[in-house]
Structures are given as C-alpha cells and as structure tokens.
Amino acid sequence: MPTTRSPLVVLGGLVAVAFLPLVIMWAVISDVGTFAYFAGFAIYFLVAHVALPGWVYIDATGRGSDAATAWTGLCFFLPVLGFVAYYFLGQPDAPYEMGAEPRAP
C-alpha cells in the first residue's frame, strides 16, 4: 500500500538533489571563494524560492484567498516581484486565521 510522505521530507530531498552537484563541484575545486559563491546561492534559493512562496501560501490560505496557489506560483517564479505584488495587491482584507482551510472553488 503506498503511503503519503511528508511535504517537508519531499522538499528536503529535492533541495538535496538540487545542491548535490554544487557540493561535488566545490569538493573538486576546493576553493574558499567558490564555496562562498555556492553557499550564497543556496541561501538565496532557500529564501527566495522556498521561504517567500511558503509564507505567501500559508498567509493566503489563512486569510481565505481563492488564489493562494496562483500567488504562490507567481512568488516562486518571480520571487521579489511576486512577493511585493501579493503584499500590496493580493492580500485579502480578512484577518489571518490559524489552521484555516482554503475555500472550495
């Protein structure tokens, strides 16, 4: 019987797969400047493409937005612009509710 894996485990595995070639390249080159570049890219990726879209999704569903997935996708593909657009244009006026489920279409 198939089981559902935790989304955080799946996300961690995808991030590990994405950064594995970077770690291998750094190990081969073994230069401190190159490591700083890879570490900076990893931090940028985690903040801009994981944390910001994650916050937008959690906030949008908590406020009962019908377009939570669309705002999350925009924030993933255009991180800073999507986040600013959601914050000023897409954030519903409803107060945030803990554990809220998205509305049915």
N, C-alpha and C. Protein backbone atom coordinates (compact mmCIF):
# COMPACT_ATOMS: atom_id res chain seq x y z
N MET A 1 0.84 -1.16 0.00
CA MET A 1 0.00 0.00 0.00
C MET A 1 0.90 1.24 0.00
N PRO A 2 0.68 2.19 -0.94
CA PRO A 2 1.50 3.40 -0.96
C PRO A 2 1.15 4.31 0.22
N THR A 3 2.14 5.02 0.66
CA THR A 3 1.93 5.96 1.76
C THR A 3 2.26 7.36 1.28
N THR A 4 1.69 8.34 1.96
CA THR A 4 1.97 9.73 1.64
C THR A 4 3.15 10.18 2.47
N ARG A 5 4.11 10.76 1.79
CA ARG A 5 5.28 11.26 2.50
C ARG A 5 5.02 12.70 2.96
N SER A 6 5.73 13.09 3.99
CA SER A 6 5.62 14.45 4.48
C SER A 6 6.13 15.42 3.42
N PRO A 7 5.45 16.54 3.19
CA PRO A 7 5.93 17.51 2.22
C PRO A 7 7.31 18.06 2.56
N LEU A 8 7.63 18.16 3.85
CA LEU A 8 8.95 18.65 4.23
C LEU A 8 10.04 17.65 3.87
N VAL A 9 9.75 16.36 3.97
CA VAL A 9 10.73 15.34 3.58
C VAL A 9 10.95 15.39 2.07
N VAL A 10 9.87 15.53 1.32
CA VAL A 10 9.99 15.62 -0.13
C VAL A 10 10.77 16.88 -0.52
N LEU A 11 10.45 18.02 0.11
CA LEU A 11 11.17 19.26 -0.17
C LEU A 11 12.65 19.12 0.18
N GLY A 12 12.95 18.54 1.32
CA GLY A 12 14.34 18.34 1.69
C GLY A 12 15.08 17.47 0.70
N GLY A 13 14.44 16.42 0.22
CA GLY A 13 15.06 15.56 -0.80
C GLY A 13 15.29 16.30 -2.10
N LEU A 14 14.34 17.11 -2.53
CA LEU A 14 14.51 17.87 -3.77
C LEU A 14 15.62 18.90 -3.65
N VAL A 15 15.70 19.56 -2.51
CA VAL A 15 16.78 20.53 -2.30
C VAL A 15 18.13 19.82 -2.26
N ALA A 16 18.20 18.66 -1.62
CA ALA A 16 19.45 17.90 -1.58
C ALA A 16 19.87 17.49 -2.98
N VAL A 17 18.92 17.04 -3.79
CA VAL A 17 19.25 16.65 -5.17
C VAL A 17 19.71 17.85 -5.98
N ALA A 18 19.09 19.01 -5.74
CA ALA A 18 19.46 20.21 -6.49
C ALA A 18 20.86 20.69 -6.12
N PHE A 19 21.23 20.58 -4.85
CA PHE A 19 22.52 21.10 -4.41
C PHE A 19 23.63 20.06 -4.39
N LEU A 20 23.32 18.80 -4.63
CA LEU A 20 24.36 17.78 -4.65
C LEU A 20 25.43 18.06 -5.71
N PRO A 21 25.07 18.41 -6.95
CA PRO A 21 26.12 18.74 -7.92
C PRO A 21 26.97 19.92 -7.50
N LEU A 22 26.38 20.90 -6.81
CA LEU A 22 27.15 22.05 -6.34
C LEU A 22 28.17 21.63 -5.29
N VAL A 23 27.77 20.76 -4.39
CA VAL A 23 28.70 20.29 -3.36
C VAL A 23 29.82 19.48 -3.99
N ILE A 24 29.51 18.66 -4.98
CA ILE A 24 30.53 17.86 -5.66
C ILE A 24 31.52 18.78 -6.38
N MET A 25 31.00 19.80 -7.06
CA MET A 25 31.90 20.74 -7.75
C MET A 25 32.79 21.46 -6.76
N TRP A 26 32.23 21.86 -5.62
CA TRP A 26 33.05 22.53 -4.63
C TRP A 26 34.13 21.61 -4.09
N ALA A 27 33.79 20.35 -3.87
CA ALA A 27 34.77 19.40 -3.35
C ALA A 27 35.91 19.19 -4.35
N VAL A 28 35.59 19.20 -5.64
CA VAL A 28 36.62 19.03 -6.66
C VAL A 28 37.50 20.27 -6.75
N ILE A 29 36.88 21.44 -6.70
CA ILE A 29 37.64 22.69 -6.83
C ILE A 29 38.33 23.05 -5.53
N SER A 30 37.64 22.88 -4.42
CA SER A 30 38.10 23.15 -3.06
C SER A 30 38.72 24.54 -2.90
N ASP A 31 37.99 25.53 -3.35
CA ASP A 31 38.41 26.92 -3.23
C ASP A 31 37.42 27.62 -2.32
N VAL A 32 37.90 28.44 -1.39
CA VAL A 32 37.03 29.11 -0.44
C VAL A 32 36.09 30.08 -1.14
N GLY A 33 36.58 30.80 -2.14
CA GLY A 33 35.74 31.73 -2.88
C GLY A 33 34.60 31.02 -3.59
N THR A 34 34.89 29.85 -4.15
CA THR A 34 33.85 29.08 -4.82
C THR A 34 32.82 28.57 -3.82
N PHE A 35 33.29 28.15 -2.66
CA PHE A 35 32.36 27.71 -1.63
C PHE A 35 31.45 28.85 -1.19
N ALA A 36 32.01 30.05 -1.05
CA ALA A 36 31.19 31.20 -0.66
C ALA A 36 30.13 31.48 -1.73
N TYR A 37 30.50 31.35 -2.99
CA TYR A 37 29.53 31.55 -4.08
C TYR A 37 28.41 30.52 -3.99
N PHE A 38 28.74 29.25 -3.82
CA PHE A 38 27.73 28.20 -3.73
C PHE A 38 26.86 28.37 -2.49
N ALA A 39 27.47 28.73 -1.37
CA ALA A 39 26.70 28.93 -0.13
C ALA A 39 25.75 30.12 -0.30
N GLY A 40 26.21 31.19 -0.93
CA GLY A 40 25.34 32.34 -1.18
C GLY A 40 24.17 31.99 -2.08
N PHE A 41 24.44 31.19 -3.11
CA PHE A 41 23.37 30.76 -3.99
C PHE A 41 22.37 29.88 -3.25
N ALA A 42 22.87 29.01 -2.40
CA ALA A 42 21.98 28.13 -1.64
C ALA A 42 21.07 28.94 -0.71
N ILE A 43 21.63 29.94 -0.06
CA ILE A 43 20.84 30.79 0.83
C ILE A 43 19.80 31.57 0.03
N TYR A 44 20.23 32.14 -1.11
CA TYR A 44 19.28 32.86 -1.97
C TYR A 44 18.14 31.94 -2.39
N PHE A 45 18.47 30.74 -2.85
CA PHE A 45 17.44 29.81 -3.33
C PHE A 45 16.46 29.46 -2.23
N LEU A 46 16.97 29.15 -1.05
CA LEU A 46 16.09 28.76 0.04
C LEU A 46 15.18 29.90 0.49
N VAL A 47 15.70 31.11 0.50
CA VAL A 47 14.88 32.24 0.92
C VAL A 47 13.90 32.64 -0.17
N ALA A 48 14.41 32.83 -1.40
CA ALA A 48 13.58 33.38 -2.47
C ALA A 48 12.63 32.36 -3.08
N HIS A 49 13.01 31.09 -3.13
CA HIS A 49 12.19 30.11 -3.82
C HIS A 49 11.54 29.08 -2.90
N VAL A 50 11.81 29.16 -1.61
CA VAL A 50 11.16 28.25 -0.66
C VAL A 50 10.44 29.03 0.44
N ALA A 51 11.16 29.92 1.12
CA ALA A 51 10.57 30.63 2.26
C ALA A 51 9.51 31.64 1.84
N LEU A 52 9.82 32.50 0.86
CA LEU A 52 8.83 33.50 0.43
C LEU A 52 7.56 32.87 -0.13
N PRO A 53 7.67 31.95 -1.10
CA PRO A 53 6.43 31.33 -1.59
C PRO A 53 5.69 30.56 -0.49
N GLY A 54 6.43 29.93 0.42
CA GLY A 54 5.80 29.22 1.52
C GLY A 54 5.02 30.16 2.41
N TRP A 55 5.61 31.32 2.73
CA TRP A 55 4.91 32.29 3.55
C TRP A 55 3.67 32.81 2.83
N VAL A 56 3.79 33.09 1.53
CA VAL A 56 2.65 33.58 0.76
C VAL A 56 1.52 32.55 0.78
N TYR A 57 1.84 31.28 0.58
CA TYR A 57 0.80 30.25 0.58
C TYR A 57 0.12 30.13 1.95
N ILE A 58 0.92 30.11 3.00
CA ILE A 58 0.36 30.00 4.35
C ILE A 58 -0.51 31.21 4.67
N ASP A 59 -0.03 32.41 4.32
CA ASP A 59 -0.80 33.61 4.60
C ASP A 59 -2.07 33.66 3.77
N ALA A 60 -1.98 33.33 2.49
CA ALA A 60 -3.15 33.39 1.61
C ALA A 60 -4.22 32.39 2.03
N THR A 61 -3.83 31.17 2.37
CA THR A 61 -4.83 30.19 2.81
C THR A 61 -5.39 30.56 4.17
N GLY A 62 -4.57 31.13 5.04
CA GLY A 62 -5.04 31.56 6.36
C GLY A 62 -6.04 32.69 6.28
N ARG A 63 -5.94 33.50 5.23
CA ARG A 63 -6.88 34.61 5.04
C ARG A 63 -8.05 34.22 4.15
N GLY A 64 -8.07 32.98 3.67
CA GLY A 64 -9.19 32.51 2.87
C GLY A 64 -9.15 32.93 1.42
N SER A 65 -7.97 33.14 0.87
CA SER A 65 -7.85 33.57 -0.53
C SER A 65 -8.20 32.43 -1.48
N ASP A 66 -8.91 32.76 -2.54
CA ASP A 66 -9.24 31.77 -3.57
C ASP A 66 -8.06 31.50 -4.49
N ALA A 67 -7.10 32.40 -4.53
CA ALA A 67 -5.99 32.30 -5.48
C ALA A 67 -4.66 32.04 -4.77
N ALA A 68 -4.68 31.28 -3.71
CA ALA A 68 -3.44 31.04 -2.94
C ALA A 68 -2.38 30.35 -3.79
N THR A 69 -2.79 29.36 -4.58
CA THR A 69 -1.82 28.63 -5.40
C THR A 69 -1.25 29.53 -6.49
N ALA A 70 -2.07 30.36 -7.08
CA ALA A 70 -1.60 31.27 -8.13
C ALA A 70 -0.60 32.28 -7.57
N TRP A 71 -0.88 32.85 -6.41
CA TRP A 71 0.05 33.79 -5.81
C TRP A 71 1.35 33.09 -5.41
N THR A 72 1.24 31.85 -4.95
CA THR A 72 2.44 31.10 -4.59
C THR A 72 3.30 30.82 -5.82
N GLY A 73 2.67 30.43 -6.92
CA GLY A 73 3.40 30.19 -8.17
C GLY A 73 4.08 31.45 -8.67
N LEU A 74 3.36 32.58 -8.63
CA LEU A 74 3.96 33.85 -9.05
C LEU A 74 5.15 34.19 -8.17
N CYS A 75 5.01 33.98 -6.88
CA CYS A 75 6.10 34.28 -5.95
C CYS A 75 7.28 33.34 -6.13
N PHE A 76 7.03 32.12 -6.60
CA PHE A 76 8.14 31.19 -6.84
C PHE A 76 8.91 31.59 -8.10
N PHE A 77 8.19 31.91 -9.18
CA PHE A 77 8.86 32.21 -10.44
C PHE A 77 9.42 33.63 -10.52
N LEU A 78 8.81 34.57 -9.82
CA LEU A 78 9.30 35.95 -9.74
C LEU A 78 9.37 36.32 -8.26
N PRO A 79 10.40 35.86 -7.55
CA PRO A 79 10.40 35.91 -6.09
C PRO A 79 10.10 37.28 -5.47
N VAL A 80 10.91 38.27 -5.75
CA VAL A 80 10.72 39.56 -5.09
C VAL A 80 9.49 40.27 -5.65
N LEU A 81 9.35 40.30 -6.96
CA LEU A 81 8.21 40.96 -7.59
C LEU A 81 6.89 40.29 -7.18
N GLY A 82 6.86 38.96 -7.17
CA GLY A 82 5.66 38.24 -6.78
C GLY A 82 5.28 38.50 -5.33
N PHE A 83 6.27 38.53 -4.44
CA PHE A 83 6.01 38.79 -3.03
C PHE A 83 5.45 40.20 -2.82
N VAL A 84 6.07 41.19 -3.48
CA VAL A 84 5.60 42.56 -3.35
C VAL A 84 4.20 42.70 -3.94
N ALA A 85 3.95 42.07 -5.10
CA ALA A 85 2.62 42.13 -5.72
C ALA A 85 1.58 41.50 -4.79
N TYR A 86 1.89 40.36 -4.20
CA TYR A 86 0.93 39.74 -3.27
C TYR A 86 0.69 40.64 -2.06
N TYR A 87 1.74 41.20 -1.53
CA TYR A 87 1.61 42.00 -0.32
C TYR A 87 0.73 43.23 -0.55
N PHE A 88 0.89 43.89 -1.71
CA PHE A 88 0.13 45.11 -1.96
C PHE A 88 -1.18 44.88 -2.71
N LEU A 89 -1.25 43.87 -3.56
CA LEU A 89 -2.43 43.69 -4.40
C LEU A 89 -3.29 42.49 -4.01
N GLY A 90 -2.67 41.40 -3.64
CA GLY A 90 -3.41 40.16 -3.49
C GLY A 90 -3.79 39.77 -2.09
N GLN A 91 -3.27 40.44 -1.10
CA GLN A 91 -3.54 40.05 0.28
C GLN A 91 -4.98 40.41 0.63
N PRO A 92 -5.80 39.41 0.93
CA PRO A 92 -7.20 39.69 1.29
C PRO A 92 -7.29 40.51 2.57
N ASP A 93 -8.38 41.22 2.71
CA ASP A 93 -8.58 42.05 3.90
C ASP A 93 -8.99 41.25 5.12
N ALA A 94 -9.35 40.01 4.93
CA ALA A 94 -9.79 39.17 6.04
C ALA A 94 -8.64 38.94 7.01
N PRO A 95 -8.93 38.86 8.30
CA PRO A 95 -7.87 38.58 9.27
C PRO A 95 -7.34 37.16 9.10
N TYR A 96 -6.10 36.98 9.48
CA TYR A 96 -5.47 35.67 9.39
C TYR A 96 -6.06 34.74 10.44
N GLU A 97 -6.41 33.51 10.03
CA GLU A 97 -6.95 32.51 10.94
C GLU A 97 -6.04 31.29 10.97
N MET A 98 -5.65 30.88 12.15
CA MET A 98 -4.79 29.72 12.30
C MET A 98 -5.52 28.47 11.86
N GLY A 99 -4.86 27.61 11.07
CA GLY A 99 -5.42 26.34 10.66
C GLY A 99 -6.56 26.46 9.68
N ALA A 100 -6.66 27.57 8.98
CA ALA A 100 -7.75 27.76 8.03
C ALA A 100 -7.52 26.92 6.78
N GLU A 101 -8.59 26.40 6.25
CA GLU A 101 -8.54 25.63 5.01
C GLU A 101 -8.91 26.55 3.85
N PRO A 102 -8.31 26.33 2.66
CA PRO A 102 -8.70 27.17 1.53
C PRO A 102 -10.16 26.94 1.17
N ARG A 103 -10.79 27.99 0.65
CA ARG A 103 -12.18 27.88 0.25
C ARG A 103 -12.33 27.01 -0.98
N ALA A 104 -13.43 26.29 -1.06
CA ALA A 104 -13.72 25.46 -2.23
C ALA A 104 -14.09 26.38 -3.40
N PRO A 105 -13.63 26.03 -4.62
CA PRO A 105 -13.94 26.90 -5.77
C PRO A 105 -15.40 26.87 -6.13
